[in-house]
C-alpha atoms as a PDB file:
ATOM      1  CA  MET A   1    -118.553 129.452 -53.549  1.00  0.00           C
ATOM      2  CA  LEU A   2    -116.144 130.643 -56.251  1.00  0.00           C
ATOM      3  CA  ARG A   3    -114.639 127.158 -56.488  1.00  0.00           C
ATOM      4  CA  ALA A   4    -118.083 125.569 -56.951  1.00  0.00           C
ATOM      5  CA  TRP A   5    -118.885 128.038 -59.687  1.00  0.00           C
ATOM      6  CA  GLY A   6    -115.652 127.291 -61.469  1.00  0.00           C
ATOM      7  CA  ASP A   7    -116.290 123.535 -61.455  1.00  0.00           C
ATOM      8  CA  ARG A   8    -119.759 124.060 -62.887  1.00  0.00           C
ATOM      9  CA  GLY A   9    -118.335 126.230 -65.712  1.00  0.00           C
ATOM     10  CA  ARG A  10    -115.805 123.619 -66.687  1.00  0.00           C
ATOM     11  CA  ARG A  11    -118.558 120.948 -66.815  1.00  0.00           C
ATOM     12  CA  ASP A  12    -120.721 123.145 -69.045  1.00  0.00           C
ATOM     13  CA  GLU A  13    -117.753 123.804 -71.348  1.00  0.00           C
ATOM     14  CA  ALA A  14    -117.006 120.077 -71.685  1.00  0.00           C
ATOM     15  CA  LYS A  15    -120.674 119.367 -72.452  1.00  0.00           C
ATOM     16  CA  SER A  16    -120.773 122.035 -75.159  1.00  0.00           C
ATOM     17  CA  VAL A  17    -117.821 120.522 -77.131  1.00  0.00           C
ATOM     18  CA  GLU A  18    -118.969 116.888 -76.845  1.00  0.00           C
ATOM     19  CA  VAL A  19    -119.309 115.215 -80.353  1.00  0.00           C
ATOM     20  CA  THR A  20    -122.394 113.076 -80.653  1.00  0.00           C
ATOM     21  CA  PRO A  21    -122.677 110.060 -83.088  1.00  0.00           C
ATOM     22  CA  ALA A  22    -125.459 111.817 -85.037  1.00  0.00           C
ATOM     23  CA  ARG A  23    -123.268 114.892 -85.558  1.00  0.00           C
ATOM     24  CA  LEU A  24    -120.329 112.719 -86.698  1.00  0.00           C
ATOM     25  CA  ALA A  25    -122.533 110.864 -89.234  1.00  0.00           C
ATOM     26  CA  GLY A  26    -123.777 114.129 -90.668  1.00  0.00           C
ATOM     27  CA  THR A  27    -120.239 115.410 -91.077  1.00  0.00           C
ATOM     28  CA  LEU A  28    -119.160 112.233 -92.897  1.00  0.00           C
ATOM     29  CA  LYS A  29    -122.152 112.500 -95.265  1.00  0.00           C
ATOM     30  CA  ALA A  30    -121.244 116.038 -96.143  1.00  0.00           C
ATOM     31  CA  VAL A  31    -117.626 115.077 -96.849  1.00  0.00           C
ATOM     32  CA  PHE A  32    -118.734 112.126 -99.010  1.00  0.00           C
ATOM     33  CA  PHE A  33    -121.153 114.322-100.978  1.00  0.00           C
ATOM     34  CA  ILE A  34    -118.436 116.853-101.726  1.00  0.00           C
ATOM     35  CA  PHE A  35    -116.034 114.080-102.795  1.00  0.00           C
ATOM     36  CA  ALA A  36    -118.646 112.458-105.080  1.00  0.00           C
ATOM     37  CA  SER A  37    -119.441 115.824-106.690  1.00  0.00           C
ATOM     38  CA  LEU A  38    -115.795 116.411-107.445  1.00  0.00           C
ATOM     39  CA  CYS A  39    -115.456 112.945-108.990  1.00  0.00           C
ATOM     40  CA  ALA A  40    -118.553 113.452-111.169  1.00  0.00           C
ATOM     41  CA  TRP A  41    -117.269 116.848-112.338  1.00  0.00           C
ATOM     42  CA  TYR A  42    -113.852 115.424-113.189  1.00  0.00           C
ATOM     43  CA  SER A  43    -115.365 112.450-115.063  1.00  0.00           C
ATOM     44  CA  GLY A  44    -117.518 114.802-117.130  1.00  0.00           C
ATOM     45  CA  TYR A  45    -114.490 116.906-117.924  1.00  0.00           C
ATOM     46  CA  LEU A  46    -112.548 113.857-119.133  1.00  0.00           C
ATOM     47  CA  LEU A  47    -115.437 112.675-121.338  1.00  0.00           C
ATOM     48  CA  ALA A  48    -115.775 116.129-122.866  1.00  0.00           C
ATOM     49  CA  GLU A  49    -112.083 116.068-123.765  1.00  0.00           C
ATOM     50  CA  LEU A  50    -112.102 112.514-125.179  1.00  0.00           C
ATOM     51  CA  ILE A  51    -115.351 112.574-127.211  1.00  0.00           C
ATOM     52  CA  PRO A  52    -115.117 114.690-130.395  1.00  0.00           C
ATOM     53  CA  ASP A  53    -117.668 117.430-130.961  1.00  0.00           C
ATOM     54  CA  VAL A  54    -120.603 116.083-132.996  1.00  0.00           C
ATOM     55  CA  PRO A  55    -123.606 118.206-133.914  1.00  0.00           C
ATOM     56  CA  LEU A  56    -126.925 117.021-132.492  1.00  0.00           C
ATOM     57  CA  SER A  57    -128.356 116.595-135.980  1.00  0.00           C
ATOM     58  CA  SER A  58    -125.513 114.195-136.900  1.00  0.00           C
ATOM     59  CA  ALA A  59    -126.148 112.103-133.815  1.00  0.00           C
ATOM     60  CA  VAL A  60    -129.864 111.866-134.626  1.00  0.00           C
ATOM     61  CA  TYR A  61    -129.038 110.872-138.217  1.00  0.00           C
ATOM     62  CA  SER A  62    -126.699 108.120-136.998  1.00  0.00           C
ATOM     63  CA  ILE A  63    -129.369 106.647-134.763  1.00  0.00           C
ATOM     64  CA  ARG A  64    -131.934 106.776-137.580  1.00  0.00           C
ATOM     65  CA  SER A  65    -129.531 105.154-140.074  1.00  0.00           C
ATOM     66  CA  ILE A  66    -129.005 102.201-137.749  1.00  0.00           C
ATOM     67  CA  SER A  67    -132.734 101.425-137.828  1.00  0.00           C
ATOM     68  CA  GLU A  68    -132.819 101.776-141.630  1.00  0.00           C
ATOM     69  CA  ARG A  69    -129.934  99.430-142.347  1.00  0.00           C
ATOM     70  CA  PRO A  70    -130.954  96.070-143.886  1.00  0.00           C
ATOM     71  CA  VAL A  71    -131.139  93.210-141.409  1.00  0.00           C
ATOM     72  CA  LEU A  72    -128.959  90.296-142.402  1.00  0.00           C
ATOM     73  CA  ARG A  73    -130.824  86.991-142.255  1.00  0.00           C
ATOM     74  CA  ALA A  74    -129.556  83.476-142.754  1.00  0.00           C
ATOM     75  CA  PRO A  75    -130.694  82.005-146.088  1.00  0.00           C
ATOM     76  CA  ALA A  76    -133.576  79.561-145.946  1.00  0.00           C
ATOM     77  CA  PRO A  77    -132.370  75.951-145.912  1.00  0.00           C
ATOM     78  CA  LYS A  78    -132.492  74.273-149.284  1.00  0.00           C
ATOM     79  CA  ARG A  79    -135.288  71.747-149.607  1.00  0.00           C
ATOM     80  CA  GLN A  80    -134.011  68.176-149.869  1.00  0.00           C
ATOM     81  CA  LYS A  81    -135.511  65.224-151.702  1.00  0.00           C
ATOM     82  CA  CYS A  82    -138.581  63.737-150.004  1.00  0.00           C
ATOM     83  CA  ASP A  83    -138.323  66.480-147.367  1.00  0.00           C
ATOM     84  CA  HIS A  84    -135.200  65.031-145.764  1.00  0.00           C
ATOM     85  CA  TRP A  85    -133.394  67.307-143.305  1.00  0.00           C
ATOM     86  CA  THR A  86    -130.037  66.610-144.980  1.00  0.00           C
ATOM     87  CA  PRO A  87    -129.256  65.530-148.555  1.00  0.00           C
ATOM     88  CA  CYS A  88    -128.522  61.930-149.403  1.00  0.00           C
ATOM     89  CA  PRO A  89    -124.942  61.156-150.500  1.00  0.00           C
ATOM     90  CA  PRO A  90    -124.177  60.780-154.210  1.00  0.00           C
ATOM     91  CA  ASN A  91    -125.170  57.462-155.820  1.00  0.00           C
ATOM     92  CA  THR A  92    -128.002  56.845-153.375  1.00  0.00           C
ATOM     93  CA  TYR A  93    -131.797  56.932-153.580  1.00  0.00           C
ATOM     94  CA  ALA A  94    -133.807  59.072-151.161  1.00  0.00           C
ATOM     95  CA  TYR A  95    -137.001  57.547-149.780  1.00  0.00           C
ATOM     96  CA  ARG A  96    -139.673  58.359-147.216  1.00  0.00           C
ATOM     97  CA  LEU A  97    -142.588  56.161-146.148  1.00  0.00           C
ATOM     98  CA  LEU A  98    -145.490  57.594-144.149  1.00  0.00           C
ATOM     99  CA  SER A  99    -148.450  55.594-142.890  1.00  0.00           C
ATOM    100  CA  GLY A 100    -151.955  56.987-142.743  1.00  0.00           C
ATOM    101  CA  GLY A 101    -153.294  58.753-139.656  1.00  0.00           C
ATOM    102  CA  GLY A 102    -156.948  58.285-138.750  1.00  0.00           C
ATOM    103  CA  ARG A 103    -159.418  58.491-141.638  1.00  0.00           C
ATOM    104  CA  ASP A 104    -158.290  61.693-143.312  1.00  0.00           C
ATOM    105  CA  LYS A 105    -154.478  61.751-143.209  1.00  0.00           C
ATOM    106  CA  TYR A 106    -153.507  59.553-146.113  1.00  0.00           C
ATOM    107  CA  ALA A 107    -150.438  57.382-146.451  1.00  0.00           C
ATOM    108  CA  LYS A 108    -147.556  58.508-148.642  1.00  0.00           C
ATOM    109  CA  ILE A 109    -144.638  56.916-150.478  1.00  0.00           C
ATOM    110  CA  CYS A 110    -141.887  59.232-151.770  1.00  0.00           C
ATOM    111  CA  PHE A 111    -138.925  58.022-153.823  1.00  0.00           C
ATOM    112  CA  GLU A 112    -136.267  60.361-155.247  1.00  0.00           C
ATOM    113  CA  ASP A 113    -138.613  63.293-154.557  1.00  0.00           C
ATOM    114  CA  ASP A 114    -141.429  61.744-156.611  1.00  0.00           C
ATOM    115  CA  VAL A 115    -144.664  60.880-154.795  1.00  0.00           C
ATOM    116  CA  LEU A 116    -145.451  57.347-155.902  1.00  0.00           C
ATOM    117  CA  ILE A 117    -148.512  56.975-153.672  1.00  0.00           C
ATOM    118  CA  GLY A 118    -150.357  59.774-151.899  1.00  0.00           C
ATOM    119  CA  GLU A 119    -153.388  61.980-151.702  1.00  0.00           C
ATOM    120  CA  LYS A 120    -152.224  64.322-154.485  1.00  0.00           C
ATOM    121  CA  THR A 121    -151.624  61.455-156.892  1.00  0.00           C
ATOM    122  CA  GLY A 122    -155.043  59.985-156.071  1.00  0.00           C
ATOM    123  CA  ASN A 123    -153.857  56.389-155.828  1.00  0.00           C
ATOM    124  CA  VAL A 124    -153.982  55.843-152.052  1.00  0.00           C
ATOM    125  CA  ALA A 125    -156.759  54.094-150.141  1.00  0.00           C
ATOM    126  CA  ARG A 126    -157.636  52.013-147.119  1.00  0.00           C
ATOM    127  CA  GLY A 127    -155.553  48.864-146.698  1.00  0.00           C
ATOM    128  CA  ILE A 128    -151.968  48.186-147.819  1.00  0.00           C
ATOM    129  CA  ASN A 129    -150.494  50.512-150.459  1.00  0.00           C
ATOM    130  CA  ILE A 130    -147.524  49.179-152.445  1.00  0.00           C
ATOM    131  CA  ALA A 131    -145.075  50.693-154.957  1.00  0.00           C
ATOM    132  CA  ILE A 132    -142.490  48.657-156.902  1.00  0.00           C
ATOM    133  CA  VAL A 133    -139.251  50.293-158.135  1.00  0.00           C
ATOM    134  CA  ASN A 134    -136.384  48.894-160.204  1.00  0.00           C
ATOM    135  CA  TYR A 135    -133.394  48.921-157.876  1.00  0.00           C
ATOM    136  CA  VAL A 136    -130.829  49.325-160.682  1.00  0.00           C
ATOM    137  CA  THR A 137    -132.491  52.067-162.740  1.00  0.00           C
ATOM    138  CA  GLY A 138    -134.717  53.729-160.124  1.00  0.00           C
ATOM    139  CA  LYS A 139    -137.680  53.461-162.500  1.00  0.00           C
ATOM    140  CA  VAL A 140    -141.148  53.039-160.973  1.00  0.00           C
ATOM    141  CA  LEU A 141    -142.673  49.791-162.228  1.00  0.00           C
ATOM    142  CA  ALA A 142    -146.101  49.728-160.539  1.00  0.00           C
ATOM    143  CA  ALA A 143    -148.157  51.186-157.701  1.00  0.00           C
ATOM    144  CA  GLN A 144    -151.413  49.811-156.269  1.00  0.00           C
ATOM    145  CA  TYR A 145    -153.519  49.611-153.099  1.00  0.00           C
ATOM    146  CA  PHE A 146    -155.336  46.628-151.594  1.00  0.00           C
ATOM    147  CA  ASP A 147    -158.287  46.975-149.210  1.00  0.00           C
ATOM    148  CA  MET A 148    -157.797  44.622-146.267  1.00  0.00           C
ATOM    149  CA  TYR A 149    -160.964  45.517-144.369  1.00  0.00           C
ATOM    150  CA  GLU A 150    -163.980  44.650-146.483  1.00  0.00           C
ATOM    151  CA  GLY A 151    -165.148  43.848-149.988  1.00  0.00           C
ATOM    152  CA  ALA A 152    -163.574  41.258-152.270  1.00  0.00           C
ATOM    153  CA  ASP A 153    -160.677  39.075-151.217  1.00  0.00           C
ATOM    154  CA  ASN A 154    -157.666  41.305-151.903  1.00  0.00           C
ATOM    155  CA  SER A 155    -155.081  39.266-150.024  1.00  0.00           C
ATOM    156  CA  GLY A 156    -154.635  36.859-152.952  1.00  0.00           C
ATOM    157  CA  PRO A 157    -154.293  39.593-155.608  1.00  0.00           C
ATOM    158  CA  MET A 158    -151.842  41.432-153.359  1.00  0.00           C
ATOM    159  CA  THR A 159    -149.749  38.270-153.036  1.00  0.00           C
ATOM    160  CA  ASN A 160    -149.664  37.930-156.828  1.00  0.00           C
ATOM    161  CA  PHE A 161    -148.736  41.605-157.179  1.00  0.00           C
ATOM    162  CA  ILE A 162    -145.791  41.171-154.803  1.00  0.00           C
ATOM    163  CA  GLN A 163    -144.602  37.975-156.455  1.00  0.00           C
ATOM    164  CA  SER A 164    -144.806  39.564-159.912  1.00  0.00           C
ATOM    165  CA  ALA A 165    -142.100  42.079-159.021  1.00  0.00           C
ATOM    166  CA  PRO A 166    -138.914  41.225-160.947  1.00  0.00           C
ATOM    167  CA  SER A 167    -135.645  40.429-159.237  1.00  0.00           C
ATOM    168  CA  LYS A 168    -133.661  43.468-158.117  1.00  0.00           C
ATOM    169  CA  SER A 169    -136.815  45.354-157.075  1.00  0.00           C
ATOM    170  CA  LEU A 170    -137.532  47.672-154.165  1.00  0.00           C
ATOM    171  CA  LEU A 171    -141.032  47.273-152.687  1.00  0.00           C
ATOM    172  CA  PHE A 172    -142.405  50.087-150.548  1.00  0.00           C
ATOM    173  CA  MET A 173    -145.470  49.313-148.386  1.00  0.00           C
ATOM    174  CA  VAL A 174    -147.591  51.574-146.154  1.00  0.00           C
ATOM    175  CA  THR A 175    -150.950  51.121-144.445  1.00  0.00           C
ATOM    176  CA  HIS A 176    -153.895  53.470-144.312  1.00  0.00           C
ATOM    177  CA  ASP A 177    -156.710  52.775-141.828  1.00  0.00           C
ATOM    178  CA  ASP A 178    -156.662  48.972-141.431  1.00  0.00           C
ATOM    179  CA  GLY A 179    -154.291  46.618-143.222  1.00  0.00           C
ATOM    180  CA  SER A 180    -154.661  43.399-141.243  1.00  0.00           C
ATOM    181  CA  SER A 181    -158.272  42.187-140.964  1.00  0.00           C
ATOM    182  CA  ARG A 182    -158.276  40.196-144.207  1.00  0.00           C
ATOM    183  CA  LEU A 183    -154.551  39.639-144.564  1.00  0.00           C
ATOM    184  CA  LYS A 184    -154.010  35.916-145.182  1.00  0.00           C
ATOM    185  CA  GLU A 185    -151.129  33.520-144.683  1.00  0.00           C
ATOM    186  CA  ASP A 186    -149.836  33.533-148.280  1.00  0.00           C
ATOM    187  CA  ALA A 187    -149.552  37.314-148.230  1.00  0.00           C
ATOM    188  CA  LYS A 188    -147.736  37.245-144.895  1.00  0.00           C
ATOM    189  CA  LYS A 189    -145.232  34.719-146.247  1.00  0.00           C
ATOM    190  CA  ALA A 190    -144.628  36.801-149.375  1.00  0.00           C
ATOM    191  CA  ILE A 191    -143.931  39.904-147.282  1.00  0.00           C
ATOM    192  CA  GLU A 192    -141.729  37.944-144.864  1.00  0.00           C
ATOM    193  CA  ALA A 193    -139.651  36.780-147.834  1.00  0.00           C
ATOM    194  CA  LEU A 194    -138.845  40.426-148.545  1.00  0.00           C
ATOM    195  CA  GLY A 195    -137.400  40.883-145.056  1.00  0.00           C
ATOM    196  CA  SER A 196    -140.352  41.965-142.889  1.00  0.00           C
ATOM    197  CA  LYS A 197    -140.079  41.220-139.157  1.00  0.00           C
ATOM    198  CA  GLU A 198    -143.408  42.762-138.103  1.00  0.00           C
ATOM    199  CA  ILE A 199    -145.996  41.520-140.606  1.00  0.00           C
ATOM    200  CA  ARG A 200    -147.207  38.789-138.251  1.00  0.00           C
ATOM    201  CA  ASN A 201    -147.533  41.300-135.428  1.00  0.00           C
ATOM    202  CA  MET A 202    -150.048  43.406-137.337  1.00  0.00           C
ATOM    203  CA  ARG A 203    -153.321  44.097-135.511  1.00  0.00           C
ATOM    204  CA  PHE A 204    -156.550  45.887-136.316  1.00  0.00           C
ATOM    205  CA  ARG A 205    -155.719  49.402-137.517  1.00  0.00           C
ATOM    206  CA  SER A 206    -152.001  49.089-136.795  1.00  0.00           C
ATOM    207  CA  SER A 207    -149.898  51.739-138.554  1.00  0.00           C
ATOM    208  CA  TRP A 208    -147.196  49.961-140.548  1.00  0.00           C
ATOM    209  CA  VAL A 209    -144.486  50.946-143.042  1.00  0.00           C
ATOM    210  CA  PHE A 210    -141.985  48.611-144.724  1.00  0.00           C
ATOM    211  CA  LEU A 211    -139.182  48.709-147.282  1.00  0.00           C
ATOM    212  CA  GLY A 212    -138.664  45.311-148.945  1.00  0.00           C
ATOM    213  CA  ALA A 213    -135.936  44.078-151.287  1.00  0.00           C
ATOM    214  CA  LYS A 214    -136.372  41.280-153.803  1.00  0.00           C
ATOM    215  CA  GLY A 215    -133.368  39.445-155.242  1.00  0.00           C
ATOM    216  CA  PHE A 216    -130.720  41.301-153.207  1.00  0.00           C
ATOM    217  CA  GLU A 217    -129.868  42.373-149.659  1.00  0.00           C
ATOM    218  CA  LEU A 218    -130.111  45.920-148.381  1.00  0.00           C
ATOM    219  CA  PRO A 219    -127.359  47.275-146.072  1.00  0.00           C
ATOM    220  CA  ALA A 220    -128.010  46.494-142.423  1.00  0.00           C
ATOM    221  CA  GLY A 221    -128.058  50.115-141.301  1.00  0.00           C
ATOM    222  CA  ILE A 222    -131.012  51.164-143.467  1.00  0.00           C
ATOM    223  CA  GLN A 223    -134.259  51.910-141.653  1.00  0.00           C
ATOM    224  CA  ARG A 224    -136.781  49.528-143.186  1.00  0.00           C
ATOM    225  CA  GLU A 225    -139.800  48.900-140.961  1.00  0.00           C
ATOM    226  CA  LYS A 226    -141.966  50.290-138.165  1.00  0.00           C
ATOM    227  CA  VAL A 227    -145.296  49.362-136.606  1.00  0.00           C
ATOM    228  CA  ASN A 228    -147.535  51.249-134.186  1.00  0.00           C
ATOM    229  CA  HIS A 229    -150.520  49.416-132.707  1.00  0.00           C
ATOM    230  CA  SER A 230    -153.895  50.878-131.851  1.00  0.00           C
ATOM    231  CA  ASP A 231    -154.341  51.505-128.136  1.00  0.00           C
ATOM    232  CA  ASN A 232    -157.365  53.436-126.889  1.00  0.00           C
ATOM    233  CA  ALA A 233    -155.323  54.847-124.012  1.00  0.00           C
ATOM    234  CA  LYS A 234    -152.567  56.164-126.311  1.00  0.00           C
ATOM    235  CA  ASN A 235    -154.139  56.699-129.748  1.00  0.00           C
ATOM    236  CA  ARG A 236    -153.586  60.090-131.359  1.00  0.00           C
ATOM    237  CA  TYR A 237    -156.851  59.818-133.253  1.00  0.00           C
ATOM    238  CA  SER A 238    -160.149  58.399-132.063  1.00  0.00           C
ATOM    239  CA  GLY A 239    -159.740  54.680-132.761  1.00  0.00           C
ATOM    240  CA  TRP A 240    -156.431  55.034-134.632  1.00  0.00           C
ATOM    241  CA  PRO A 241    -152.794  55.246-133.523  1.00  0.00           C
ATOM    242  CA  ALA A 242    -150.445  57.989-134.648  1.00  0.00           C
ATOM    243  CA  GLU A 243    -148.978  57.789-138.124  1.00  0.00           C
ATOM    244  CA  ILE A 244    -145.376  56.591-138.391  1.00  0.00           C
ATOM    245  CA  GLN A 245    -142.617  56.990-140.953  1.00  0.00           C
ATOM    246  CA  VAL A 246    -139.204  55.753-142.016  1.00  0.00           C
ATOM    247  CA  GLU A 247    -136.797  57.530-144.325  1.00  0.00           C
ATOM    248  CA  GLY A 248    -133.244  57.198-145.492  1.00  0.00           C
ATOM    249  CA  CYS A 249    -130.830  56.767-148.388  1.00  0.00           C
ATOM    250  CA  ILE A 250    -130.443  53.523-150.362  1.00  0.00           C
ATOM    251  CA  PRO A 251    -127.129  52.895-152.144  1.00  0.00           C
ATOM    252  CA  LYS A 252    -127.779  52.521-155.849  1.00  0.00           C
ATOM    253  CA  GLY A 253    -127.391  49.097-157.403  1.00  0.00           C
ATOM    254  CA  PRO A 254    -124.670  48.369-159.971  1.00  0.00           C
ATOM    255  CA  SER A 255    -125.675  49.106-163.545  1.00  0.00           C
END
C-alpha cells in the first residue's frame, strides 16, 4: 500500500510542474512587454539629450510663423502675340485664324496681335471674311466680309477683292456660318491660285480657315488651311460643326 501511495504522489508532483502552451505564451508576452518598455524609455532618454531645450511659447511661435510666411508662386506666363503659347522667333509675323462656331461665336483673324476681323472690331459677318496684309511691311491693306448664303451675288465681288491684292500679299480667310452656298467657280479658282487645297471640298456650313500668299511661296512647314464639315452626328452646335483654327509664325519678307 505504501508503494502505491508513493507512485501516486510522484504522478501528482509531475502534473503540478507541467508547463502548458497557454502559460508559456503568457510568459513570453510579459517578457516582450518589459523589453518594449525598456526600449521606449531609452529612446525617450536619447531624444531628451539630443533635442535642445526650447520653451513651449517659442515652439508655438515657430509653428505660427510658418503659416504666416509668404507663399512663393510661379509668375504668370507672359501673354504672347495672338494668344500663342510660345513667342514667335525674331523677324517673323504671328498669326491666328479662327472660324466661326454656330451663330453666335464669330470668326476672328489676328495678325501681329492686332485683330483684323472679329466681333470687337465689328467687321465680321456670315460668309467668307478676308483680310489682306503687305507681306514685306506687315501693313494691313484691306479687310472685308462676303455673304455666301443669301442676298446679292457676292462671289463676283469677292473674286475682284482677292485679285486686287498686290503682289507680295498675305490673304487671311475665315468662314462664319455658311461660306459655300453661293460660292462660284471664278472665286474657287482665285482661292486655288493662292494655294488652297480644300476650297472645292467646302460644303454647307463647313468651318474653313486659310492663309494664302500672292506673288511668293510660303515655307512648307507653315500651317495654312483646315476644314471641318457639318455632320449632325458630330456637330458641336445644333446644325454647325465645331470652330477650327490655325496659327503660326511667318518669316518676314525681305525689305
